N, C-alpha and C. Protein backbone atom coordinates (compact mmCIF):
# COMPACT_ATOMS: atom_id res chain seq x y z
N MET A 1 -32.52 -10.52 3.65
CA MET A 1 -31.14 -10.91 3.88
C MET A 1 -30.32 -10.60 2.62
N TRP A 2 -29.19 -9.96 2.80
CA TRP A 2 -28.31 -9.61 1.70
C TRP A 2 -27.51 -10.83 1.25
N PRO A 3 -27.38 -11.04 -0.05
CA PRO A 3 -26.52 -12.13 -0.53
C PRO A 3 -25.08 -11.88 -0.10
N THR A 4 -24.38 -12.93 0.30
CA THR A 4 -23.01 -12.81 0.79
C THR A 4 -22.09 -12.11 -0.21
N ALA A 5 -22.18 -12.45 -1.50
CA ALA A 5 -21.31 -11.83 -2.51
C ALA A 5 -21.51 -10.32 -2.56
N LEU A 6 -22.77 -9.86 -2.45
CA LEU A 6 -23.04 -8.44 -2.48
C LEU A 6 -22.46 -7.76 -1.24
N LEU A 7 -22.66 -8.37 -0.08
CA LEU A 7 -22.11 -7.81 1.16
C LEU A 7 -20.59 -7.71 1.08
N LEU A 8 -19.96 -8.77 0.59
CA LEU A 8 -18.50 -8.75 0.50
C LEU A 8 -18.02 -7.67 -0.45
N SER A 9 -18.72 -7.49 -1.58
CA SER A 9 -18.29 -6.45 -2.51
C SER A 9 -18.53 -5.06 -1.92
N LEU A 10 -19.62 -4.86 -1.17
CA LEU A 10 -19.87 -3.58 -0.53
C LEU A 10 -18.81 -3.28 0.53
N LEU A 11 -18.31 -4.30 1.21
CA LEU A 11 -17.30 -4.13 2.23
C LEU A 11 -15.88 -4.07 1.65
N GLY A 12 -15.76 -4.18 0.33
CA GLY A 12 -14.45 -4.10 -0.29
C GLY A 12 -13.68 -5.39 -0.17
N ALA A 13 -14.37 -6.50 -0.02
CA ALA A 13 -13.70 -7.76 0.24
C ALA A 13 -13.41 -8.57 -1.01
N VAL A 14 -13.75 -8.07 -2.17
CA VAL A 14 -13.45 -8.79 -3.39
C VAL A 14 -11.96 -8.67 -3.64
N SER A 15 -11.31 -9.79 -3.83
CA SER A 15 -9.85 -9.79 -3.99
C SER A 15 -9.44 -8.97 -5.19
N SER A 16 -8.33 -8.28 -5.04
CA SER A 16 -7.75 -7.53 -6.15
C SER A 16 -6.25 -7.74 -6.10
N PRO A 17 -5.53 -7.37 -7.18
CA PRO A 17 -4.09 -7.59 -7.18
C PRO A 17 -3.42 -6.90 -6.01
N GLY A 18 -2.34 -7.47 -5.56
CA GLY A 18 -1.60 -6.90 -4.43
C GLY A 18 -1.14 -8.00 -3.52
N PRO A 19 -0.55 -7.64 -2.40
CA PRO A 19 -0.05 -8.64 -1.46
C PRO A 19 -1.17 -9.52 -0.94
N ALA A 20 -0.84 -10.75 -0.62
CA ALA A 20 -1.84 -11.65 -0.08
C ALA A 20 -2.30 -11.13 1.27
N PRO A 21 -3.62 -10.88 1.42
CA PRO A 21 -4.11 -10.32 2.66
C PRO A 21 -4.35 -11.37 3.72
N ALA A 22 -4.33 -10.94 4.97
CA ALA A 22 -4.85 -11.74 6.06
C ALA A 22 -6.33 -11.40 6.11
N THR A 23 -7.06 -11.97 7.03
CA THR A 23 -8.48 -11.67 7.08
C THR A 23 -8.89 -11.16 8.43
N GLY A 24 -9.97 -10.41 8.42
CA GLY A 24 -10.63 -9.94 9.63
C GLY A 24 -12.09 -10.31 9.50
N SER A 25 -12.88 -9.88 10.45
CA SER A 25 -14.30 -10.21 10.42
C SER A 25 -15.11 -9.03 10.91
N VAL A 26 -16.14 -8.70 10.14
CA VAL A 26 -17.08 -7.68 10.53
C VAL A 26 -18.46 -8.32 10.52
N HIS A 27 -19.10 -8.35 11.67
CA HIS A 27 -20.42 -8.97 11.81
C HIS A 27 -20.43 -10.39 11.25
N GLY A 28 -19.35 -11.12 11.49
CA GLY A 28 -19.26 -12.51 11.06
C GLY A 28 -18.88 -12.70 9.61
N ILE A 29 -18.72 -11.62 8.85
CA ILE A 29 -18.35 -11.71 7.44
C ILE A 29 -16.85 -11.55 7.33
N VAL A 30 -16.18 -12.51 6.72
CA VAL A 30 -14.73 -12.44 6.55
C VAL A 30 -14.42 -11.48 5.41
N VAL A 31 -13.52 -10.52 5.68
CA VAL A 31 -13.17 -9.51 4.69
C VAL A 31 -11.65 -9.44 4.52
N ASP A 32 -11.21 -8.99 3.33
CA ASP A 32 -9.79 -8.76 3.11
C ASP A 32 -9.32 -7.70 4.10
N SER A 33 -8.13 -7.87 4.58
CA SER A 33 -7.54 -6.85 5.44
C SER A 33 -6.05 -6.83 5.20
N ALA A 34 -5.32 -6.52 6.21
CA ALA A 34 -3.89 -6.31 6.10
C ALA A 34 -3.12 -7.58 5.74
N PRO A 35 -1.99 -7.41 5.03
CA PRO A 35 -1.10 -8.55 4.80
C PRO A 35 -0.49 -8.99 6.14
N GLY A 36 0.10 -10.15 6.17
CA GLY A 36 0.63 -10.73 7.40
C GLY A 36 1.60 -9.84 8.16
N TRP A 37 2.52 -9.17 7.48
CA TRP A 37 3.50 -8.34 8.18
C TRP A 37 2.82 -7.20 8.92
N LEU A 38 1.74 -6.63 8.34
CA LEU A 38 1.04 -5.52 8.98
C LEU A 38 0.18 -6.03 10.13
N ARG A 39 -0.45 -7.18 9.97
CA ARG A 39 -1.24 -7.75 11.07
C ARG A 39 -0.31 -8.04 12.26
N GLN A 40 0.89 -8.51 11.97
CA GLN A 40 1.86 -8.76 13.04
C GLN A 40 2.24 -7.45 13.74
N GLU A 41 2.46 -6.40 12.97
CA GLU A 41 2.78 -5.08 13.53
C GLU A 41 1.65 -4.60 14.44
N MET A 42 0.41 -4.70 13.96
CA MET A 42 -0.73 -4.24 14.74
C MET A 42 -0.90 -5.08 16.01
N THR A 43 -0.66 -6.38 15.91
CA THR A 43 -0.76 -7.25 17.08
C THR A 43 0.29 -6.89 18.11
N GLN A 44 1.52 -6.62 17.68
CA GLN A 44 2.58 -6.25 18.61
C GLN A 44 2.29 -4.90 19.29
N LEU A 45 1.74 -3.95 18.55
CA LEU A 45 1.43 -2.65 19.13
C LEU A 45 0.38 -2.76 20.22
N THR A 46 -0.62 -3.62 20.03
CA THR A 46 -1.75 -3.71 20.95
C THR A 46 -1.58 -4.76 22.03
N GLN A 47 -0.51 -5.53 21.97
CA GLN A 47 -0.28 -6.62 22.91
C GLN A 47 -0.27 -6.11 24.35
N GLY A 48 -0.78 -6.93 25.26
CA GLY A 48 -0.83 -6.54 26.67
C GLY A 48 -1.78 -5.36 26.84
N SER A 49 -1.31 -4.32 27.50
CA SER A 49 -2.14 -3.13 27.73
C SER A 49 -2.20 -2.25 26.48
N GLY A 50 -1.30 -2.49 25.50
CA GLY A 50 -1.22 -1.62 24.32
C GLY A 50 -0.57 -0.29 24.65
N ARG A 51 -0.01 -0.18 25.84
CA ARG A 51 0.60 1.08 26.30
C ARG A 51 2.13 0.98 26.23
N TRP A 52 2.75 2.08 25.83
CA TRP A 52 4.20 2.18 25.70
C TRP A 52 4.65 3.49 26.33
N MET A 53 5.83 3.50 26.94
CA MET A 53 6.36 4.70 27.59
C MET A 53 7.81 4.93 27.15
N VAL A 54 8.20 6.22 27.13
CA VAL A 54 9.59 6.58 26.84
C VAL A 54 9.90 7.88 27.59
N GLY A 55 11.14 7.98 28.09
CA GLY A 55 11.58 9.20 28.75
C GLY A 55 11.88 10.29 27.74
N ASN A 56 11.73 11.53 28.16
CA ASN A 56 11.99 12.66 27.27
C ASN A 56 13.20 13.49 27.73
N GLU A 57 14.00 12.95 28.64
CA GLU A 57 15.12 13.70 29.21
C GLU A 57 16.02 14.34 28.15
N PRO A 58 16.43 13.61 27.11
CA PRO A 58 17.38 14.22 26.17
C PRO A 58 16.80 15.39 25.36
N PHE A 59 15.45 15.50 25.32
CA PHE A 59 14.83 16.49 24.45
C PHE A 59 14.02 17.54 25.22
N ARG A 60 14.05 17.46 26.54
CA ARG A 60 13.27 18.39 27.35
C ARG A 60 13.74 19.82 27.10
N SER A 61 12.77 20.73 26.97
CA SER A 61 13.07 22.15 26.72
C SER A 61 11.86 22.98 27.16
N GLU A 62 11.96 24.27 26.98
CA GLU A 62 10.84 25.15 27.31
C GLU A 62 9.61 24.80 26.47
N ASN A 63 9.84 24.47 25.20
CA ASN A 63 8.74 24.11 24.31
C ASN A 63 8.29 22.66 24.46
N GLU A 64 9.10 21.87 25.12
CA GLU A 64 8.81 20.44 25.28
C GLU A 64 9.16 20.03 26.72
N PRO A 65 8.36 20.47 27.69
CA PRO A 65 8.70 20.28 29.10
C PRO A 65 8.34 18.92 29.68
N TRP A 66 7.89 17.98 28.87
CA TRP A 66 7.38 16.71 29.36
C TRP A 66 8.49 15.81 29.89
N ASP A 67 8.19 15.09 30.97
CA ASP A 67 9.13 14.12 31.53
C ASP A 67 9.15 12.83 30.71
N HIS A 68 7.98 12.43 30.26
CA HIS A 68 7.82 11.18 29.49
C HIS A 68 6.76 11.39 28.42
N TYR A 69 6.78 10.46 27.46
CA TYR A 69 5.69 10.34 26.50
C TYR A 69 5.09 8.96 26.66
N GLY A 70 3.83 8.86 26.38
CA GLY A 70 3.15 7.58 26.38
C GLY A 70 2.44 7.39 25.05
N MET A 71 2.31 6.14 24.64
CA MET A 71 1.50 5.78 23.47
C MET A 71 0.55 4.69 23.92
N GLU A 72 -0.63 4.72 23.37
CA GLU A 72 -1.63 3.71 23.69
C GLU A 72 -2.28 3.27 22.38
N TRP A 73 -2.30 1.94 22.15
CA TRP A 73 -2.85 1.37 20.92
C TRP A 73 -3.96 0.39 21.25
N SER A 74 -5.03 0.42 20.45
CA SER A 74 -6.14 -0.54 20.61
C SER A 74 -6.67 -0.89 19.23
N TRP A 75 -7.33 -2.03 19.18
CA TRP A 75 -7.90 -2.49 17.91
C TRP A 75 -9.09 -1.62 17.52
N GLY A 76 -9.23 -1.41 16.21
CA GLY A 76 -10.40 -0.72 15.65
C GLY A 76 -11.47 -1.74 15.30
N LEU A 77 -12.54 -1.28 14.70
CA LEU A 77 -13.68 -2.08 14.32
C LEU A 77 -13.27 -3.31 13.53
N GLY A 78 -13.72 -4.47 13.97
CA GLY A 78 -13.45 -5.72 13.26
C GLY A 78 -12.00 -6.18 13.31
N ARG A 79 -11.18 -5.55 14.16
CA ARG A 79 -9.75 -5.84 14.24
C ARG A 79 -9.08 -5.69 12.86
N LEU A 80 -9.55 -4.68 12.11
CA LEU A 80 -9.01 -4.41 10.78
C LEU A 80 -8.10 -3.18 10.77
N SER A 81 -7.98 -2.52 11.92
CA SER A 81 -7.12 -1.35 12.04
C SER A 81 -6.73 -1.23 13.51
N VAL A 82 -5.78 -0.34 13.78
CA VAL A 82 -5.48 0.00 15.17
C VAL A 82 -5.57 1.52 15.31
N LYS A 83 -6.02 1.93 16.50
CA LYS A 83 -6.12 3.34 16.86
C LYS A 83 -5.06 3.61 17.92
N GLY A 84 -4.39 4.74 17.79
CA GLY A 84 -3.37 5.07 18.77
C GLY A 84 -3.44 6.52 19.17
N ARG A 85 -2.74 6.80 20.25
CA ARG A 85 -2.61 8.19 20.67
C ARG A 85 -1.26 8.37 21.34
N LEU A 86 -0.69 9.54 21.17
CA LEU A 86 0.56 9.94 21.82
C LEU A 86 0.18 11.00 22.85
N TYR A 87 0.62 10.79 24.09
CA TYR A 87 0.28 11.75 25.14
C TYR A 87 1.53 12.11 25.93
N ALA A 88 1.46 13.26 26.59
CA ALA A 88 2.59 13.77 27.37
C ALA A 88 2.34 13.52 28.85
N ILE A 89 3.45 13.33 29.60
CA ILE A 89 3.39 13.10 31.04
C ILE A 89 4.34 14.08 31.73
N LYS A 90 3.84 14.75 32.75
CA LYS A 90 4.64 15.69 33.54
C LYS A 90 4.37 15.42 35.01
N ASP A 91 5.44 15.28 35.81
CA ASP A 91 5.31 15.02 37.24
C ASP A 91 4.42 13.81 37.53
N GLY A 92 4.56 12.78 36.68
CA GLY A 92 3.82 11.53 36.89
C GLY A 92 2.36 11.56 36.48
N LYS A 93 1.90 12.68 35.91
CA LYS A 93 0.50 12.79 35.51
C LYS A 93 0.37 13.03 34.02
N GLU A 94 -0.64 12.40 33.43
CA GLU A 94 -0.91 12.63 32.01
C GLU A 94 -1.38 14.06 31.81
N VAL A 95 -0.73 14.77 30.88
CA VAL A 95 -1.04 16.17 30.63
C VAL A 95 -2.09 16.31 29.53
N GLY A 96 -2.01 15.49 28.50
CA GLY A 96 -2.97 15.56 27.40
C GLY A 96 -2.49 14.84 26.18
N THR A 97 -3.41 14.55 25.29
CA THR A 97 -3.11 13.87 24.04
C THR A 97 -2.56 14.87 23.03
N LEU A 98 -1.43 14.52 22.42
CA LEU A 98 -0.78 15.38 21.43
C LEU A 98 -1.15 14.97 20.00
N TRP A 99 -1.26 13.65 19.78
CA TRP A 99 -1.58 13.12 18.45
C TRP A 99 -2.53 11.92 18.60
N GLU A 100 -3.41 11.75 17.62
CA GLU A 100 -4.21 10.54 17.48
C GLU A 100 -3.83 9.91 16.15
N TYR A 101 -3.82 8.57 16.12
CA TYR A 101 -3.39 7.84 14.93
C TYR A 101 -4.42 6.80 14.51
N ARG A 102 -4.36 6.44 13.25
CA ARG A 102 -5.08 5.27 12.75
C ARG A 102 -4.15 4.60 11.76
N LEU A 103 -3.91 3.32 11.98
CA LEU A 103 -3.09 2.49 11.09
C LEU A 103 -4.01 1.43 10.51
N PHE A 104 -4.06 1.33 9.18
CA PHE A 104 -5.00 0.41 8.53
C PHE A 104 -4.52 0.04 7.14
N TRP A 105 -5.07 -1.04 6.64
CA TRP A 105 -4.82 -1.46 5.26
C TRP A 105 -5.83 -0.74 4.38
N HIS A 106 -5.34 0.13 3.48
CA HIS A 106 -6.21 0.89 2.58
C HIS A 106 -6.65 -0.04 1.45
N PRO A 107 -7.94 -0.39 1.38
CA PRO A 107 -8.37 -1.37 0.39
C PRO A 107 -8.28 -0.89 -1.06
N GLY A 108 -8.34 0.42 -1.28
CA GLY A 108 -8.22 0.95 -2.64
C GLY A 108 -6.77 1.07 -3.08
N ASP A 109 -5.94 1.64 -2.22
CA ASP A 109 -4.52 1.82 -2.54
C ASP A 109 -3.73 0.53 -2.36
N ARG A 110 -4.28 -0.42 -1.59
CA ARG A 110 -3.60 -1.68 -1.27
C ARG A 110 -2.26 -1.39 -0.59
N LYS A 111 -2.30 -0.46 0.38
CA LYS A 111 -1.11 -0.07 1.12
C LYS A 111 -1.46 0.10 2.60
N ALA A 112 -0.47 -0.13 3.45
CA ALA A 112 -0.63 0.14 4.88
C ALA A 112 -0.57 1.66 5.05
N THR A 113 -1.63 2.22 5.58
CA THR A 113 -1.80 3.67 5.65
C THR A 113 -1.80 4.13 7.10
N VAL A 114 -1.12 5.24 7.35
CA VAL A 114 -1.14 5.87 8.66
C VAL A 114 -1.68 7.27 8.48
N GLU A 115 -2.71 7.59 9.26
CA GLU A 115 -3.23 8.95 9.31
C GLU A 115 -3.10 9.41 10.75
N GLN A 116 -2.69 10.67 10.93
CA GLN A 116 -2.56 11.19 12.28
C GLN A 116 -3.10 12.60 12.36
N PHE A 117 -3.66 12.91 13.54
CA PHE A 117 -4.34 14.17 13.77
C PHE A 117 -3.73 14.82 15.00
N GLY A 118 -3.21 16.04 14.86
CA GLY A 118 -2.54 16.71 15.95
C GLY A 118 -3.46 17.62 16.75
N ALA A 119 -3.13 17.80 18.02
CA ALA A 119 -3.90 18.67 18.90
C ALA A 119 -3.88 20.12 18.41
N ASP A 120 -2.89 20.47 17.59
CA ASP A 120 -2.79 21.83 17.05
C ASP A 120 -3.50 22.00 15.71
N GLY A 121 -4.19 20.95 15.24
CA GLY A 121 -4.89 21.02 13.96
C GLY A 121 -4.09 20.47 12.79
N SER A 122 -2.89 19.97 13.04
CA SER A 122 -2.08 19.36 11.97
C SER A 122 -2.67 18.02 11.55
N PHE A 123 -2.39 17.63 10.33
CA PHE A 123 -2.84 16.33 9.80
C PHE A 123 -1.70 15.70 9.02
N GLY A 124 -1.42 14.43 9.30
CA GLY A 124 -0.40 13.70 8.57
C GLY A 124 -0.98 12.46 7.93
N SER A 125 -0.43 12.11 6.78
CA SER A 125 -0.88 10.91 6.08
C SER A 125 0.29 10.34 5.30
N GLY A 126 0.40 9.01 5.30
CA GLY A 126 1.46 8.37 4.56
C GLY A 126 1.34 6.87 4.62
N TYR A 127 2.39 6.21 4.17
CA TYR A 127 2.36 4.76 4.04
C TYR A 127 3.47 4.10 4.86
N LEU A 128 3.12 2.97 5.45
CA LEU A 128 4.04 2.14 6.20
C LEU A 128 4.42 0.96 5.31
N THR A 129 5.71 0.66 5.22
CA THR A 129 6.16 -0.46 4.39
C THR A 129 7.06 -1.37 5.23
N PRO A 130 7.10 -2.66 4.87
CA PRO A 130 7.99 -3.57 5.59
C PRO A 130 9.43 -3.31 5.20
N ALA A 131 10.33 -3.48 6.15
CA ALA A 131 11.76 -3.34 5.91
C ALA A 131 12.43 -4.65 6.34
N GLU A 132 13.73 -4.66 6.39
CA GLU A 132 14.47 -5.88 6.74
C GLU A 132 14.24 -6.28 8.19
N ASN A 133 14.33 -7.58 8.45
CA ASN A 133 14.29 -8.14 9.80
C ASN A 133 13.07 -7.73 10.62
N GLY A 134 11.90 -7.63 9.97
CA GLY A 134 10.67 -7.33 10.68
C GLY A 134 10.48 -5.86 11.02
N ALA A 135 11.37 -5.00 10.56
CA ALA A 135 11.24 -3.57 10.81
C ALA A 135 10.22 -2.96 9.85
N THR A 136 9.83 -1.73 10.11
CA THR A 136 8.93 -1.01 9.21
C THR A 136 9.48 0.39 8.96
N SER A 137 9.05 0.98 7.84
CA SER A 137 9.42 2.34 7.49
C SER A 137 8.15 3.12 7.18
N LEU A 138 8.05 4.32 7.73
CA LEU A 138 6.90 5.19 7.48
C LEU A 138 7.39 6.42 6.73
N ASP A 139 6.71 6.77 5.66
CA ASP A 139 6.98 7.98 4.88
C ASP A 139 5.67 8.75 4.86
N GLN A 140 5.69 9.97 5.40
CA GLN A 140 4.45 10.68 5.65
C GLN A 140 4.62 12.18 5.39
N THR A 141 3.55 12.80 4.93
CA THR A 141 3.51 14.25 4.79
C THR A 141 2.58 14.80 5.86
N VAL A 142 3.07 15.81 6.58
CA VAL A 142 2.29 16.47 7.63
C VAL A 142 1.92 17.86 7.15
N HIS A 143 0.63 18.18 7.23
CA HIS A 143 0.11 19.49 6.84
C HIS A 143 -0.22 20.28 8.10
N SER A 144 0.34 21.48 8.23
CA SER A 144 0.13 22.34 9.39
C SER A 144 -1.05 23.28 9.15
N PRO A 145 -1.66 23.78 10.22
CA PRO A 145 -2.79 24.70 10.08
C PRO A 145 -2.46 25.97 9.29
N ASP A 146 -1.20 26.38 9.28
CA ASP A 146 -0.82 27.61 8.54
C ASP A 146 -0.66 27.37 7.04
N GLY A 147 -0.92 26.13 6.58
CA GLY A 147 -0.86 25.83 5.15
C GLY A 147 0.46 25.24 4.69
N THR A 148 1.46 25.20 5.56
CA THR A 148 2.74 24.60 5.20
C THR A 148 2.67 23.09 5.38
N SER A 149 3.60 22.40 4.77
CA SER A 149 3.68 20.95 4.93
C SER A 149 5.14 20.54 4.94
N PHE A 150 5.39 19.36 5.50
CA PHE A 150 6.74 18.83 5.54
C PHE A 150 6.65 17.31 5.54
N ARG A 151 7.74 16.69 5.16
CA ARG A 151 7.80 15.23 5.04
C ARG A 151 8.61 14.66 6.20
N VAL A 152 8.06 13.63 6.84
CA VAL A 152 8.73 12.97 7.96
C VAL A 152 8.76 11.47 7.70
N GLY A 153 9.66 10.81 8.39
CA GLY A 153 9.77 9.35 8.29
C GLY A 153 10.08 8.75 9.64
N HIS A 154 9.80 7.49 9.77
CA HIS A 154 10.14 6.74 10.98
C HIS A 154 10.59 5.34 10.56
N HIS A 155 11.67 4.89 11.16
CA HIS A 155 12.09 3.49 11.04
C HIS A 155 11.84 2.89 12.41
N ALA A 156 11.13 1.76 12.44
CA ALA A 156 10.77 1.16 13.73
C ALA A 156 10.97 -0.35 13.68
N ARG A 157 11.32 -0.90 14.84
CA ARG A 157 11.40 -2.35 14.96
C ARG A 157 11.18 -2.73 16.42
N PHE A 158 10.71 -3.94 16.61
CA PHE A 158 10.51 -4.48 17.95
C PHE A 158 11.74 -5.28 18.34
N ASP A 159 12.17 -5.13 19.57
CA ASP A 159 13.29 -5.90 20.10
C ASP A 159 12.85 -6.35 21.49
N GLY A 160 12.22 -7.53 21.55
CA GLY A 160 11.65 -8.01 22.81
C GLY A 160 10.52 -7.10 23.21
N GLY A 161 10.56 -6.58 24.44
CA GLY A 161 9.53 -5.68 24.92
C GLY A 161 9.83 -4.23 24.64
N VAL A 162 10.76 -3.96 23.73
CA VAL A 162 11.15 -2.59 23.40
C VAL A 162 10.82 -2.30 21.94
N ARG A 163 10.31 -1.10 21.68
CA ARG A 163 10.05 -0.66 20.31
C ARG A 163 11.02 0.48 20.01
N LEU A 164 11.97 0.21 19.14
CA LEU A 164 13.00 1.18 18.78
C LEU A 164 12.52 1.99 17.57
N ILE A 165 12.49 3.30 17.72
CA ILE A 165 12.00 4.18 16.65
C ILE A 165 13.03 5.28 16.40
N GLN A 166 13.38 5.45 15.13
CA GLN A 166 14.23 6.55 14.71
C GLN A 166 13.36 7.47 13.85
N SER A 167 13.30 8.76 14.22
CA SER A 167 12.54 9.71 13.41
C SER A 167 13.47 10.42 12.45
N LEU A 168 12.93 10.78 11.29
CA LEU A 168 13.69 11.42 10.21
C LEU A 168 12.89 12.59 9.66
N ARG A 169 13.56 13.51 9.03
CA ARG A 169 12.90 14.63 8.36
C ARG A 169 13.51 14.79 6.98
N TRP A 170 12.69 15.01 5.97
CA TRP A 170 13.13 15.20 4.59
C TRP A 170 13.57 16.65 4.45
N ILE A 171 14.87 16.87 4.30
CA ILE A 171 15.43 18.22 4.22
C ILE A 171 16.43 18.26 3.06
N GLY A 172 16.22 19.19 2.16
CA GLY A 172 17.15 19.37 1.03
C GLY A 172 17.28 18.14 0.15
N GLY A 173 16.19 17.41 -0.02
CA GLY A 173 16.20 16.26 -0.91
C GLY A 173 16.78 14.98 -0.33
N LYS A 174 16.96 14.95 1.01
CA LYS A 174 17.46 13.71 1.62
C LYS A 174 16.91 13.59 3.05
N TRP A 175 16.94 12.37 3.56
CA TRP A 175 16.48 12.11 4.92
C TRP A 175 17.57 12.48 5.92
N GLU A 176 17.19 13.25 6.96
CA GLU A 176 18.11 13.58 8.04
C GLU A 176 17.55 13.04 9.34
N LYS A 177 18.42 12.36 10.09
CA LYS A 177 18.05 11.78 11.37
C LYS A 177 17.66 12.88 12.35
N GLN A 178 16.59 12.64 13.12
CA GLN A 178 16.14 13.60 14.11
C GLN A 178 16.34 13.06 15.54
N ARG A 179 15.64 11.99 15.88
CA ARG A 179 15.68 11.45 17.24
C ARG A 179 15.61 9.93 17.21
N ASP A 180 16.12 9.32 18.30
CA ASP A 180 15.97 7.89 18.54
C ASP A 180 15.23 7.71 19.86
N TYR A 181 14.25 6.83 19.86
CA TYR A 181 13.50 6.52 21.09
C TYR A 181 13.47 5.02 21.30
N ALA A 182 13.53 4.61 22.55
CA ALA A 182 13.36 3.20 22.94
C ALA A 182 12.11 3.11 23.82
N TRP A 183 10.99 2.83 23.19
CA TRP A 183 9.70 2.74 23.89
C TRP A 183 9.62 1.37 24.60
N ARG A 184 9.17 1.39 25.84
CA ARG A 184 9.01 0.16 26.61
C ARG A 184 7.54 -0.07 26.93
N ARG A 185 7.18 -1.36 26.96
CA ARG A 185 5.79 -1.70 27.30
C ARG A 185 5.47 -1.20 28.71
N ALA A 186 4.27 -0.70 28.87
CA ALA A 186 3.82 -0.21 30.17
C ALA A 186 2.63 -1.06 30.63
N PRO A 187 2.47 -1.16 31.96
CA PRO A 187 1.34 -1.96 32.47
C PRO A 187 -0.01 -1.31 32.17
């Protein structure tokens, strides 16, 4: 049997400077995890079915023919992270997953981290921070398969059963608004 202190240190559960963490459990061992604001965010994302839907009417094009987008969130191992995916819907049928996500508290960086993996081979990584009135801000760099990269951001907040998200792109040294979405909970 492993001594509890050794197990906790192997799992990264020894407290270190930073925001006061909430706790999770892995195999009955309580470990440091996300601060309260991030645990609340993860709980809201996964609540109910963990599914969210939004129409794509304003942005539909030849390159983006989808009628709707869906997101689905579920808890990761030990309820210490959430896993998500963004998928496209055409004619009432799911067409395929476009992005996979992982949102977690990085124990080394002591930051809420988002990593995303695109169906085209793109990879994004960045940090989620709390903003005013329970909102969050994401600042992320996306690396494309051709070797280029770009910086994107999202401001998000919950308003009842709606998740309002504004996407941004870093262009010419400043953030430029891209799109606004009002995601609704789905059964």
